[in-house]
PDB file of N, CA and C in Angstrom:
ATOM      1  N   MET A   1     -12.552  -3.869  -8.189  1.00  0.00           N
ATOM      2  CA  MET A   1     -12.175  -2.499  -7.937  1.00  0.00           C
ATOM      3  C   MET A   1     -12.588  -1.655  -9.139  1.00  0.00           C
ATOM      4  N   ASP A   2     -13.011  -0.438  -8.855  1.00  0.00           N
ATOM      5  CA  ASP A   2     -13.386   0.457  -9.942  1.00  0.00           C
ATOM      6  C   ASP A   2     -12.304   1.517 -10.139  1.00  0.00           C
ATOM      7  N   LYS A   3     -12.420   2.264 -11.205  1.00  0.00           N
ATOM      8  CA  LYS A   3     -11.409   3.259 -11.572  1.00  0.00           C
ATOM      9  C   LYS A   3     -11.280   4.349 -10.516  1.00  0.00           C
ATOM     10  N   ILE A   4     -12.389   4.761  -9.912  1.00  0.00           N
ATOM     11  CA  ILE A   4     -12.344   5.825  -8.906  1.00  0.00           C
ATOM     12  C   ILE A   4     -11.535   5.376  -7.680  1.00  0.00           C
ATOM     13  N   THR A   5     -11.767   4.151  -7.223  1.00  0.00           N
ATOM     14  CA  THR A   5     -11.007   3.620  -6.081  1.00  0.00           C
ATOM     15  C   THR A   5      -9.530   3.539  -6.422  1.00  0.00           C
ATOM     16  N   ALA A   6      -9.204   3.045  -7.615  1.00  0.00           N
ATOM     17  CA  ALA A   6      -7.801   2.932  -8.036  1.00  0.00           C
ATOM     18  C   ALA A   6      -7.147   4.305  -8.115  1.00  0.00           C
ATOM     19  N   THR A   7      -7.843   5.267  -8.701  1.00  0.00           N
ATOM     20  CA  THR A   7      -7.303   6.620  -8.837  1.00  0.00           C
ATOM     21  C   THR A   7      -7.069   7.250  -7.468  1.00  0.00           C
ATOM     22  N   THR A   8      -8.001   7.067  -6.564  1.00  0.00           N
ATOM     23  CA  THR A   8      -7.857   7.601  -5.207  1.00  0.00           C
ATOM     24  C   THR A   8      -6.642   6.986  -4.515  1.00  0.00           C
ATOM     25  N   ALA A   9      -6.462   5.683  -4.676  1.00  0.00           N
ATOM     26  CA  ALA A   9      -5.311   5.001  -4.070  1.00  0.00           C
ATOM     27  C   ALA A   9      -4.001   5.562  -4.624  1.00  0.00           C
ATOM     28  N   PHE A  10      -3.924   5.687  -5.939  1.00  0.00           N
ATOM     29  CA  PHE A  10      -2.701   6.225  -6.537  1.00  0.00           C
ATOM     30  C   PHE A  10      -2.447   7.666  -6.125  1.00  0.00           C
ATOM     31  N   GLU A  11      -3.488   8.474  -6.069  1.00  0.00           N
ATOM     32  CA  GLU A  11      -3.316   9.864  -5.641  1.00  0.00           C
ATOM     33  C   GLU A  11      -2.777   9.936  -4.218  1.00  0.00           C
ATOM     34  N   SER A  12      -3.226   9.008  -3.364  1.00  0.00           N
ATOM     35  CA  SER A  12      -2.778   9.037  -1.970  1.00  0.00           C
ATOM     36  C   SER A  12      -1.314   8.640  -1.824  1.00  0.00           C
ATOM     37  N   LEU A  13      -0.748   8.002  -2.826  1.00  0.00           N
ATOM     38  CA  LEU A  13       0.655   7.582  -2.784  1.00  0.00           C
ATOM     39  C   LEU A  13       1.546   8.470  -3.650  1.00  0.00           C
ATOM     40  N   SER A  14       1.014   9.577  -4.125  1.00  0.00           N
ATOM     41  CA  SER A  14       1.716  10.368  -5.130  1.00  0.00           C
ATOM     42  C   SER A  14       2.736  11.363  -4.574  1.00  0.00           C
ATOM     43  N   SER A  15       3.186  11.153  -3.373  1.00  0.00           N
ATOM     44  CA  SER A  15       4.286  11.968  -2.849  1.00  0.00           C
ATOM     45  C   SER A  15       5.355  11.023  -2.315  1.00  0.00           C
ATOM     46  N   GLY A  16       6.573  11.483  -2.338  1.00  0.00           N
ATOM     47  CA  GLY A  16       7.666  10.656  -1.845  1.00  0.00           C
ATOM     48  C   GLY A  16       7.496  10.252  -0.392  1.00  0.00           C
ATOM     49  N   VAL A  17       7.023  11.187   0.433  1.00  0.00           N
ATOM     50  CA  VAL A  17       6.819  10.898   1.853  1.00  0.00           C
ATOM     51  C   VAL A  17       5.769   9.799   2.018  1.00  0.00           C
ATOM     52  N   ARG A  18       4.665   9.925   1.336  1.00  0.00           N
ATOM     53  CA  ARG A  18       3.587   8.940   1.470  1.00  0.00           C
ATOM     54  C   ARG A  18       4.019   7.576   0.956  1.00  0.00           C
ATOM     55  N   LEU A  19       4.755   7.565  -0.118  1.00  0.00           N
ATOM     56  CA  LEU A  19       5.246   6.294  -0.643  1.00  0.00           C
ATOM     57  C   LEU A  19       6.213   5.644   0.344  1.00  0.00           C
ATOM     58  N   ASP A  20       7.083   6.437   0.960  1.00  0.00           N
ATOM     59  CA  ASP A  20       7.998   5.904   1.980  1.00  0.00           C
ATOM     60  C   ASP A  20       7.222   5.334   3.162  1.00  0.00           C
ATOM     61  N   VAL A  21       6.203   6.053   3.617  1.00  0.00           N
ATOM     62  CA  VAL A  21       5.381   5.592   4.742  1.00  0.00           C
ATOM     63  C   VAL A  21       4.686   4.282   4.380  1.00  0.00           C
ATOM     64  N   PHE A  22       4.079   4.242   3.208  1.00  0.00           N
ATOM     65  CA  PHE A  22       3.347   3.037   2.816  1.00  0.00           C
ATOM     66  C   PHE A  22       4.291   1.842   2.710  1.00  0.00           C
ATOM     67  N   ARG A  23       5.433   2.016   2.085  1.00  0.00           N
ATOM     68  CA  ARG A  23       6.379   0.900   1.946  1.00  0.00           C
ATOM     69  C   ARG A  23       6.888   0.436   3.309  1.00  0.00           C
ATOM     70  N   LEU A  24       7.121   1.369   4.227  1.00  0.00           N
ATOM     71  CA  LEU A  24       7.534   1.009   5.587  1.00  0.00           C
ATOM     72  C   LEU A  24       6.457   0.170   6.260  1.00  0.00           C
ATOM     73  N   LEU A  25       5.196   0.595   6.128  1.00  0.00           N
ATOM     74  CA  LEU A  25       4.105  -0.132   6.774  1.00  0.00           C
ATOM     75  C   LEU A  25       3.847  -1.486   6.105  1.00  0.00           C
ATOM     76  N   VAL A  26       4.045  -1.580   4.810  1.00  0.00           N
ATOM     77  CA  VAL A  26       3.940  -2.880   4.136  1.00  0.00           C
ATOM     78  C   VAL A  26       4.989  -3.821   4.719  1.00  0.00           C
ATOM     79  N   LYS A  27       6.182  -3.302   4.920  1.00  0.00           N
ATOM     80  CA  LYS A  27       7.274  -4.100   5.494  1.00  0.00           C
ATOM     81  C   LYS A  27       6.926  -4.597   6.900  1.00  0.00           C
ATOM     82  N   GLN A  28       6.190  -3.792   7.656  1.00  0.00           N
ATOM     83  CA  GLN A  28       5.820  -4.162   9.028  1.00  0.00           C
ATOM     84  C   GLN A  28       4.693  -5.192   9.066  1.00  0.00           C
ATOM     85  N   GLY A  29       4.000  -5.357   7.958  1.00  0.00           N
ATOM     86  CA  GLY A  29       2.924  -6.346   7.892  1.00  0.00           C
ATOM     87  C   GLY A  29       1.771  -6.000   8.816  1.00  0.00           C
ATOM     88  N   LEU A  30       1.203  -7.023   9.423  1.00  0.00           N
ATOM     89  CA  LEU A  30       0.020  -6.847  10.253  1.00  0.00           C
ATOM     90  C   LEU A  30       0.299  -6.121  11.567  1.00  0.00           C
ATOM     91  N   GLU A  31       1.564  -6.065  11.976  1.00  0.00           N
ATOM     92  CA  GLU A  31       1.913  -5.384  13.221  1.00  0.00           C
ATOM     93  C   GLU A  31       1.737  -3.875  13.104  1.00  0.00           C
ATOM     94  N   GLY A  32       2.089  -3.315  11.967  1.00  0.00           N
ATOM     95  CA  GLY A  32       1.987  -1.882  11.781  1.00  0.00           C
ATOM     96  C   GLY A  32       2.934  -1.127  12.692  1.00  0.00           C
ATOM     97  N   MET A  33       2.724   0.157  12.794  1.00  0.00           N
ATOM     98  CA  MET A  33       3.561   1.008  13.643  1.00  0.00           C
ATOM     99  C   MET A  33       2.725   2.160  14.178  1.00  0.00           C
ATOM    100  N   VAL A  34       3.114   2.659  15.352  1.00  0.00           N
ATOM    101  CA  VAL A  34       2.464   3.854  15.863  1.00  0.00           C
ATOM    102  C   VAL A  34       3.090   5.063  15.169  1.00  0.00           C
ATOM    103  N   ALA A  35       2.357   6.145  15.138  1.00  0.00           N
ATOM    104  CA  ALA A  35       2.769   7.332  14.387  1.00  0.00           C
ATOM    105  C   ALA A  35       4.158   7.826  14.793  1.00  0.00           C
ATOM    106  N   GLY A  36       4.449   7.827  16.069  1.00  0.00           N
ATOM    107  CA  GLY A  36       5.758   8.294  16.540  1.00  0.00           C
ATOM    108  C   GLY A  36       6.903   7.452  16.011  1.00  0.00           C
ATOM    109  N   GLU A  37       6.683   6.144  15.923  1.00  0.00           N
ATOM    110  CA  GLU A  37       7.715   5.256  15.372  1.00  0.00           C
ATOM    111  C   GLU A  37       7.944   5.539  13.884  1.00  0.00           C
ATOM    112  N   ILE A  38       6.848   5.779  13.178  1.00  0.00           N
ATOM    113  CA  ILE A  38       6.962   6.102  11.747  1.00  0.00           C
ATOM    114  C   ILE A  38       7.758   7.391  11.581  1.00  0.00           C
ATOM    115  N   ALA A  39       7.395   8.406  12.375  1.00  0.00           N
ATOM    116  CA  ALA A  39       8.069   9.709  12.281  1.00  0.00           C
ATOM    117  C   ALA A  39       9.559   9.581  12.562  1.00  0.00           C
ATOM    118  N   SER A  40       9.924   8.858  13.610  1.00  0.00           N
ATOM    119  CA  SER A  40      11.348   8.750  13.941  1.00  0.00           C
ATOM    120  C   SER A  40      12.098   7.876  12.944  1.00  0.00           C
ATOM    121  N   THR A  41      11.477   6.806  12.459  1.00  0.00           N
ATOM    122  CA  THR A  41      12.132   5.925  11.489  1.00  0.00           C
ATOM    123  C   THR A  41      12.434   6.664  10.192  1.00  0.00           C
ATOM    124  N   LEU A  42      11.487   7.484   9.746  1.00  0.00           N
ATOM    125  CA  LEU A  42      11.646   8.175   8.468  1.00  0.00           C
ATOM    126  C   LEU A  42      12.128   9.621   8.614  1.00  0.00           C
ATOM    127  N   ALA A  43      12.395  10.042   9.858  1.00  0.00           N
ATOM    128  CA  ALA A  43      12.854  11.409  10.140  1.00  0.00           C
ATOM    129  C   ALA A  43      11.915  12.459   9.524  1.00  0.00           C
ATOM    130  N   ILE A  44      10.632  12.300   9.850  1.00  0.00           N
ATOM    131  CA  ILE A  44       9.598  13.226   9.371  1.00  0.00           C
ATOM    132  C   ILE A  44       9.027  13.941  10.593  1.00  0.00           C
ATOM    133  N   PRO A  45       8.920  15.274  10.554  1.00  0.00           N
ATOM    134  CA  PRO A  45       8.303  15.981  11.681  1.00  0.00           C
ATOM    135  C   PRO A  45       6.869  15.480  11.907  1.00  0.00           C
ATOM    136  N   PRO A  46       6.485  15.257  13.157  1.00  0.00           N
ATOM    137  CA  PRO A  46       5.154  14.702  13.454  1.00  0.00           C
ATOM    138  C   PRO A  46       3.987  15.457  12.815  1.00  0.00           C
ATOM    139  N   THR A  47       4.049  16.782  12.780  1.00  0.00           N
ATOM    140  CA  THR A  47       2.936  17.525  12.178  1.00  0.00           C
ATOM    141  C   THR A  47       2.847  17.270  10.672  1.00  0.00           C
ATOM    142  N   ASN A  48       3.989  17.163  10.028  1.00  0.00           N
ATOM    143  CA  ASN A  48       4.025  16.859   8.603  1.00  0.00           C
ATOM    144  C   ASN A  48       3.500  15.441   8.367  1.00  0.00           C
ATOM    145  N   LEU A  49       3.941  14.497   9.187  1.00  0.00           N
ATOM    146  CA  LEU A  49       3.509  13.114   9.051  1.00  0.00           C
ATOM    147  C   LEU A  49       2.001  12.987   9.249  1.00  0.00           C
ATOM    148  N   SER A  50       1.463  13.698  10.210  1.00  0.00           N
ATOM    149  CA  SER A  50       0.034  13.643  10.495  1.00  0.00           C
ATOM    150  C   SER A  50      -0.792  13.984   9.261  1.00  0.00           C
ATOM    151  N   PHE A  51      -0.384  14.990   8.535  1.00  0.00           N
ATOM    152  CA  PHE A  51      -1.062  15.405   7.304  1.00  0.00           C
ATOM    153  C   PHE A  51      -1.075  14.257   6.287  1.00  0.00           C
ATOM    154  N   HIS A  52       0.059  13.602   6.110  1.00  0.00           N
ATOM    155  CA  HIS A  52       0.171  12.509   5.138  1.00  0.00           C
ATOM    156  C   HIS A  52      -0.608  11.268   5.585  1.00  0.00           C
ATOM    157  N   LEU A  53      -0.537  10.952   6.874  1.00  0.00           N
ATOM    158  CA  LEU A  53      -1.273   9.789   7.384  1.00  0.00           C
ATOM    159  C   LEU A  53      -2.776   9.976   7.205  1.00  0.00           C
ATOM    160  N   LYS A  54      -3.252  11.188   7.441  1.00  0.00           N
ATOM    161  CA  LYS A  54      -4.677  11.466   7.286  1.00  0.00           C
ATOM    162  C   LYS A  54      -5.111  11.258   5.835  1.00  0.00           C
ATOM    163  N   ALA A  55      -4.332  11.764   4.900  1.00  0.00           N
ATOM    164  CA  ALA A  55      -4.672  11.617   3.480  1.00  0.00           C
ATOM    165  C   ALA A  55      -4.690  10.140   3.068  1.00  0.00           C
ATOM    166  N   MET A  56      -3.729   9.376   3.528  1.00  0.00           N
ATOM    167  CA  MET A  56      -3.658   7.960   3.167  1.00  0.00           C
ATOM    168  C   MET A  56      -4.757   7.149   3.843  1.00  0.00           C
ATOM    169  N   THR A  57      -5.127   7.545   5.049  1.00  0.00           N
ATOM    170  CA  THR A  57      -6.223   6.870   5.752  1.00  0.00           C
ATOM    171  C   THR A  57      -7.547   7.175   5.066  1.00  0.00           C
ATOM    172  N   ASN A  58      -7.745   8.431   4.665  1.00  0.00           N
ATOM    173  CA  ASN A  58      -8.978   8.800   3.953  1.00  0.00           C
ATOM    174  C   ASN A  58      -9.117   8.043   2.636  1.00  0.00           C
ATOM    175  N   ALA A  59      -7.995   7.721   2.012  1.00  0.00           N
ATOM    176  CA  ALA A  59      -8.012   6.967   0.753  1.00  0.00           C
ATOM    177  C   ALA A  59      -8.091   5.450   1.000  1.00  0.00           C
ATOM    178  N   ARG A  60      -8.135   5.060   2.269  1.00  0.00           N
ATOM    179  CA  ARG A  60      -8.226   3.659   2.688  1.00  0.00           C
ATOM    180  C   ARG A  60      -6.948   2.861   2.414  1.00  0.00           C
ATOM    181  N   MET A  61      -5.832   3.520   2.112  1.00  0.00           N
ATOM    182  CA  MET A  61      -4.568   2.814   1.917  1.00  0.00           C
ATOM    183  C   MET A  61      -3.970   2.412   3.254  1.00  0.00           C
ATOM    184  N   LEU A  62      -4.387   3.090   4.327  1.00  0.00           N
ATOM    185  CA  LEU A  62      -3.957   2.749   5.678  1.00  0.00           C
ATOM    186  C   LEU A  62      -5.180   2.557   6.550  1.00  0.00           C
ATOM    187  N   THR A  63      -5.014   1.704   7.556  1.00  0.00           N
ATOM    188  CA  THR A  63      -6.017   1.616   8.610  1.00  0.00           C
ATOM    189  C   THR A  63      -5.369   2.164   9.877  1.00  0.00           C
ATOM    190  N   VAL A  64      -6.185   2.631  10.793  1.00  0.00           N
ATOM    191  CA  VAL A  64      -5.671   3.190  12.031  1.00  0.00           C
ATOM    192  C   VAL A  64      -6.498   2.647  13.186  1.00  0.00           C
ATOM    193  N   GLU A  65      -5.812   2.354  14.277  1.00  0.00           N
ATOM    194  CA  GLU A  65      -6.462   1.825  15.480  1.00  0.00           C
ATOM    195  C   GLU A  65      -5.900   2.567  16.685  1.00  0.00           C
ATOM    196  N   GLN A  66      -6.799   3.038  17.533  1.00  0.00           N
ATOM    197  CA  GLN A  66      -6.394   3.746  18.748  1.00  0.00           C
ATOM    198  C   GLN A  66      -5.865   2.746  19.762  1.00  0.00           C
ATOM    199  N   GLU A  67      -4.690   3.031  20.321  1.00  0.00           N
ATOM    200  CA  GLU A  67      -4.095   2.220  21.396  1.00  0.00           C
ATOM    201  C   GLU A  67      -3.712   3.162  22.525  1.00  0.00           C
ATOM    202  N   GLY A  68      -4.640   3.403  23.421  1.00  0.00           N
ATOM    203  CA  GLY A  68      -4.382   4.362  24.494  1.00  0.00           C
ATOM    204  C   GLY A  68      -4.168   5.740  23.920  1.00  0.00           C
ATOM    205  N   ARG A  69      -2.978   6.316  24.175  1.00  0.00           N
ATOM    206  CA  ARG A  69      -2.657   7.645  23.650  1.00  0.00           C
ATOM    207  C   ARG A  69      -2.133   7.600  22.221  1.00  0.00           C
ATOM    208  N   PHE A  70      -1.871   6.426  21.720  1.00  0.00           N
ATOM    209  CA  PHE A  70      -1.218   6.280  20.423  1.00  0.00           C
ATOM    210  C   PHE A  70      -2.176   5.785  19.353  1.00  0.00           C
ATOM    211  N   GLN A  71      -1.810   6.034  18.116  1.00  0.00           N
ATOM    212  CA  GLN A  71      -2.557   5.498  16.989  1.00  0.00           C
ATOM    213  C   GLN A  71      -1.631   4.588  16.200  1.00  0.00           C
ATOM    214  N   ARG A  72      -2.088   3.347  15.982  1.00  0.00           N
ATOM    215  CA  ARG A  72      -1.301   2.368  15.227  1.00  0.00           C
ATOM    216  C   ARG A  72      -1.821   2.332  13.799  1.00  0.00           C
ATOM    217  N   TYR A  73      -0.895   2.499  12.875  1.00  0.00           N
ATOM    218  CA  TYR A  73      -1.226   2.500  11.449  1.00  0.00           C
ATOM    219  C   TYR A  73      -0.739   1.216  10.807  1.00  0.00           C
ATOM    220  N   ARG A  74      -1.541   0.714   9.890  1.00  0.00           N
ATOM    221  CA  ARG A  74      -1.200  -0.481   9.131  1.00  0.00           C
ATOM    222  C   ARG A  74      -1.517  -0.228   7.660  1.00  0.00           C
ATOM    223  N   ALA A  75      -0.684  -0.783   6.787  1.00  0.00           N
ATOM    224  CA  ALA A  75      -0.991  -0.730   5.362  1.00  0.00           C
ATOM    225  C   ALA A  75      -2.209  -1.611   5.116  1.00  0.00           C
ATOM    226  N   ASN A  76      -3.104  -1.164   4.273  1.00  0.00           N
ATOM    227  CA  ASN A  76      -4.281  -1.956   3.905  1.00  0.00           C
ATOM    228  C   ASN A  76      -3.830  -2.940   2.817  1.00  0.00           C
ATOM    229  N   LEU A  77      -3.293  -4.071   3.266  1.00  0.00           N
ATOM    230  CA  LEU A  77      -2.727  -5.057   2.346  1.00  0.00           C
ATOM    231  C   LEU A  77      -3.755  -5.645   1.391  1.00  0.00           C
ATOM    232  N   PRO A  78      -4.973  -5.960   1.832  1.00  0.00           N
ATOM    233  CA  PRO A  78      -5.961  -6.445   0.861  1.00  0.00           C
ATOM    234  C   PRO A  78      -6.249  -5.430  -0.251  1.00  0.00           C
ATOM    235  N   LEU A  79      -6.323  -4.148   0.097  1.00  0.00           N
ATOM    236  CA  LEU A  79      -6.558  -3.131  -0.924  1.00  0.00           C
ATOM    237  C   LEU A  79      -5.361  -3.035  -1.868  1.00  0.00           C
ATOM    238  N   MET A  80      -4.155  -3.135  -1.327  1.00  0.00           N
ATOM    239  CA  MET A  80      -2.957  -3.105  -2.157  1.00  0.00           C
ATOM    240  C   MET A  80      -2.971  -4.256  -3.167  1.00  0.00           C
ATOM    241  N   LEU A  81      -3.310  -5.446  -2.709  1.00  0.00           N
ATOM    242  CA  LEU A  81      -3.358  -6.600  -3.611  1.00  0.00           C
ATOM    243  C   LEU A  81      -4.486  -6.468  -4.622  1.00  0.00           C
ATOM    244  N   ASP A  82      -5.615  -5.888  -4.203  1.00  0.00           N
ATOM    245  CA  ASP A  82      -6.705  -5.625  -5.153  1.00  0.00           C
ATOM    246  C   ASP A  82      -6.256  -4.626  -6.225  1.00  0.00           C
ATOM    247  N   LEU A  83      -5.470  -3.639  -5.822  1.00  0.00           N
ATOM    248  CA  LEU A  83      -4.964  -2.652  -6.768  1.00  0.00           C
ATOM    249  C   LEU A  83      -4.026  -3.303  -7.781  1.00  0.00           C
ATOM    250  N   ILE A  84      -3.161  -4.183  -7.307  1.00  0.00           N
ATOM    251  CA  ILE A  84      -2.270  -4.917  -8.214  1.00  0.00           C
ATOM    252  C   ILE A  84      -3.099  -5.765  -9.173  1.00  0.00           C
ATOM    253  N   ALA A  85      -4.094  -6.442  -8.651  1.00  0.00           N
ATOM    254  CA  ALA A  85      -4.947  -7.272  -9.501  1.00  0.00           C
ATOM    255  C   ALA A  85      -5.691  -6.418 -10.526  1.00  0.00           C
ATOM    256  N   TYR A  86      -6.171  -5.245 -10.110  1.00  0.00           N
ATOM    257  CA  TYR A  86      -6.878  -4.338 -11.021  1.00  0.00           C
ATOM    258  C   TYR A  86      -5.968  -3.920 -12.174  1.00  0.00           C
ATOM    259  N   LEU A  87      -4.719  -3.619 -11.843  1.00  0.00           N
ATOM    260  CA  LEU A  87      -3.776  -3.182 -12.871  1.00  0.00           C
ATOM    261  C   LEU A  87      -3.427  -4.286 -13.857  1.00  0.00           C
ATOM    262  N   THR A  88      -3.485  -5.514 -13.396  1.00  0.00           N
ATOM    263  CA  THR A  88      -2.991  -6.614 -14.219  1.00  0.00           C
ATOM    264  C   THR A  88      -4.072  -7.583 -14.681  1.00  0.00           C
ATOM    265  N   GLU A  89      -5.346  -7.288 -14.396  1.00  0.00           N
ATOM    266  CA  GLU A  89      -6.398  -8.258 -14.687  1.00  0.00           C
ATOM    267  C   GLU A  89      -6.530  -8.589 -16.164  1.00  0.00           C
ATOM    268  N   GLU A  90      -6.136  -7.706 -17.033  1.00  0.00           N
ATOM    269  CA  GLU A  90      -6.249  -8.001 -18.455  1.00  0.00           C
ATOM    270  C   GLU A  90      -4.879  -8.164 -19.107  1.00  0.00           C
ATOM    271  N   CYS A  91      -3.882  -8.436 -18.282  1.00  0.00           N
ATOM    272  CA  CYS A  91      -2.528  -8.634 -18.775  1.00  0.00           C
ATOM    273  C   CYS A  91      -2.498  -9.776 -19.785  1.00  0.00           C
ATOM    274  N   CYS A  92      -1.783  -9.575 -20.838  1.00  0.00           N
ATOM    275  CA  CYS A  92      -1.596 -10.596 -21.885  1.00  0.00           C
ATOM    276  C   CYS A  92      -2.921 -11.041 -22.496  1.00  0.00           C
ATOM    277  N   ALA A  93      -3.876 -10.140 -22.542  1.00  0.00           N
ATOM    278  CA  ALA A  93      -5.166 -10.388 -23.201  1.00  0.00           C
ATOM    279  C   ALA A  93      -5.828 -11.690 -22.757  1.00  0.00           C
ATOM    280  N   GLY A  94      -5.770 -11.962 -21.456  1.00  0.00           N
ATOM    281  CA  GLY A  94      -6.440 -13.156 -20.934  1.00  0.00           C
ATOM    282  C   GLY A  94      -5.664 -14.445 -21.126  1.00  0.00           C
ATOM    283  N   ARG A  95      -4.412 -14.361 -21.538  1.00  0.00           N
ATOM    284  CA  ARG A  95      -3.569 -15.549 -21.703  1.00  0.00           C
ATOM    285  C   ARG A  95      -2.440 -15.492 -20.681  1.00  0.00           C
ATOM    286  N   PRO A  96      -2.708 -15.881 -19.431  1.00  0.00           N
ATOM    287  CA  PRO A  96      -1.707 -15.743 -18.370  1.00  0.00           C
ATOM    288  C   PRO A  96      -0.412 -16.495 -18.656  1.00  0.00           C
ATOM    289  N   GLU A  97      -0.477 -17.530 -19.461  1.00  0.00           N
ATOM    290  CA  GLU A  97       0.752 -18.264 -19.780  1.00  0.00           C
ATOM    291  C   GLU A  97       1.760 -17.370 -20.508  1.00  0.00           C
ATOM    292  N   ASP A  98       1.278 -16.370 -21.238  1.00  0.00           N
ATOM    293  CA  ASP A  98       2.174 -15.431 -21.913  1.00  0.00           C
ATOM    294  C   ASP A  98       2.930 -14.554 -20.915  1.00  0.00           C
ATOM    295  N   CYS A  99       2.388 -14.420 -19.720  1.00  0.00           N
ATOM    296  CA  CYS A  99       2.998 -13.563 -18.701  1.00  0.00           C
ATOM    297  C   CYS A  99       3.983 -14.320 -17.810  1.00  0.00           C
ATOM    298  N   ALA A 100       4.097 -15.623 -17.974  1.00  0.00           N
ATOM    299  CA  ALA A 100       4.927 -16.430 -17.075  1.00  0.00           C
ATOM    300  C   ALA A 100       6.354 -15.898 -16.981  1.00  0.00           C
ATOM    301  N   THR A 101       6.957 -15.574 -18.100  1.00  0.00           N
ATOM    302  CA  THR A 101       8.328 -15.075 -18.093  1.00  0.00           C
ATOM    303  C   THR A 101       8.399 -13.721 -17.410  1.00  0.00           C
ATOM    304  N   LEU A 102       7.458 -12.854 -17.726  1.00  0.00           N
ATOM    305  CA  LEU A 102       7.455 -11.529 -17.106  1.00  0.00           C
ATOM    306  C   LEU A 102       7.274 -11.616 -15.604  1.00  0.00           C
ATOM    307  N   ARG A 103       6.384 -12.485 -15.158  1.00  0.00           N
ATOM    308  CA  ARG A 103       6.128 -12.643 -13.723  1.00  0.00           C
ATOM    309  C   ARG A 103       7.372 -13.171 -13.024  1.00  0.00           C
ATOM    310  N   ALA A 104       8.071 -14.114 -13.661  1.00  0.00           N
ATOM    311  CA  ALA A 104       9.279 -14.691 -13.065  1.00  0.00           C
ATOM    312  C   ALA A 104      10.374 -13.630 -12.922  1.00  0.00           C
ATOM    313  N   GLU A 105      10.408 -12.668 -13.832  1.00  0.00           N
ATOM    314  CA  GLU A 105      11.433 -11.623 -13.807  1.00  0.00           C
ATOM    315  C   GLU A 105      11.066 -10.452 -12.898  1.00  0.00           C
ATOM    316  N   SER A 106       9.812 -10.375 -12.443  1.00  0.00           N
ATOM    317  CA  SER A 106       9.396  -9.225 -11.641  1.00  0.00           C
ATOM    318  C   SER A 106       9.795  -9.412 -10.182  1.00  0.00           C
ATOM    319  N   ALA A 107       9.785  -8.308  -9.469  1.00  0.00           N
ATOM    320  CA  ALA A 107      10.084  -8.344  -8.044  1.00  0.00           C
ATOM    321  C   ALA A 107       8.852  -8.687  -7.226  1.00  0.00           C
ATOM    322  N   CYS A 108       7.703  -8.848  -7.882  1.00  0.00           N
ATOM    323  CA  CYS A 108       6.462  -9.164  -7.194  1.00  0.00           C
ATOM    324  C   CYS A 108       6.561 -10.560  -6.590  1.00  0.00           C
ATOM    325  N   SER A 109       6.168 -10.695  -5.343  1.00  0.00           N
ATOM    326  CA  SER A 109       6.273 -11.984  -4.679  1.00  0.00           C
ATOM    327  C   SER A 109       5.354 -13.013  -5.326  1.00  0.00           C
ATOM    328  N   VAL A 110       5.697 -14.260  -5.152  1.00  0.00           N
ATOM    329  CA  VAL A 110       4.889 -15.345  -5.697  1.00  0.00           C
ATOM    330  C   VAL A 110       3.475 -15.286  -5.138  1.00  0.00           C
ATOM    331  N   ALA A 111       3.343 -14.999  -3.855  1.00  0.00           N
ATOM    332  CA  ALA A 111       2.016 -14.949  -3.236  1.00  0.00           C
ATOM    333  C   ALA A 111       1.156 -13.863  -3.874  1.00  0.00           C
ATOM    334  N   ALA A 112       1.735 -12.683  -4.105  1.00  0.00           N
ATOM    335  CA  ALA A 112       0.979 -11.603  -4.733  1.00  0.00           C
ATOM    336  C   ALA A 112       0.625 -11.951  -6.166  1.00  0.00           C
ATOM    337  N   ALA A 113       1.569 -12.563  -6.867  1.00  0.00           N
ATOM    338  CA  ALA A 113       1.323 -12.929  -8.260  1.00  0.00           C
ATOM    339  C   ALA A 113       0.214 -13.943  -8.372  1.00  0.00           C
ATOM    340  N   LYS A 114       0.102 -14.854  -7.415  1.00  0.00           N
ATOM    341  CA  LYS A 114      -0.943 -15.872  -7.460  1.00  0.00           C
ATOM    342  C   LYS A 114      -2.330 -15.272  -7.281  1.00  0.00           C
ATOM    343  N   THR A 115      -2.428 -14.154  -6.532  1.00  0.00           N
ATOM    344  CA  THR A 115      -3.747 -13.555  -6.306  1.00  0.00           C
ATOM    345  C   THR A 115      -4.303 -12.942  -7.581  1.00  0.00           C
ATOM    346  N   GLN A 116      -3.457 -12.761  -8.572  1.00  0.00           N
ATOM    347  CA  GLN A 116      -3.892 -12.112  -9.798  1.00  0.00           C
ATOM    348  C   GLN A 116      -4.552 -13.067 -10.772  1.00  0.00           C
ATOM    349  N   ASN A 117      -4.429 -14.340 -10.589  1.00  0.00           N
ATOM    350  CA  ASN A 117      -5.026 -15.316 -11.529  1.00  0.00           C
ATOM    351  C   ASN A 117      -6.494 -15.486 -11.311  1.00  0.00           C
TER     352      ASN A 117
END
C-alpha cells in the first residue's frame, strides 16, 4: 500500500457517521447489508447515508453490488487489513518479538495480527 491509498482510506472514515457505517459493515462480514438496513440500523436519513456511502465506495473502503432494486454494501476487508499492515509494517524496528506484549494487550484479533508478520 502507498501513502496516497492510506490517506484516501483514512479521509473516507474521518466522520462519525462513516466510521459507524464501516464498523457496522465489518461486523456483518461478507454478508454486508443493503442501504436501507444500514439507514434504519444507524438511524441515518437515506439521503444523508447515500452521500457517505458514495464517498466510502469511491475510496474503495466499501464495495457495492446491485441486487434488484437494492444495493448491498460490504466493508472491503482485504483493504482494511492492508491498511493495518501498512500502519504497523515497521513496528518495533523490524523486531516483531518486541511487539508480542503489545499485540497481546491490543483488541486486534489474532487473525488480523498474524497478517502483519
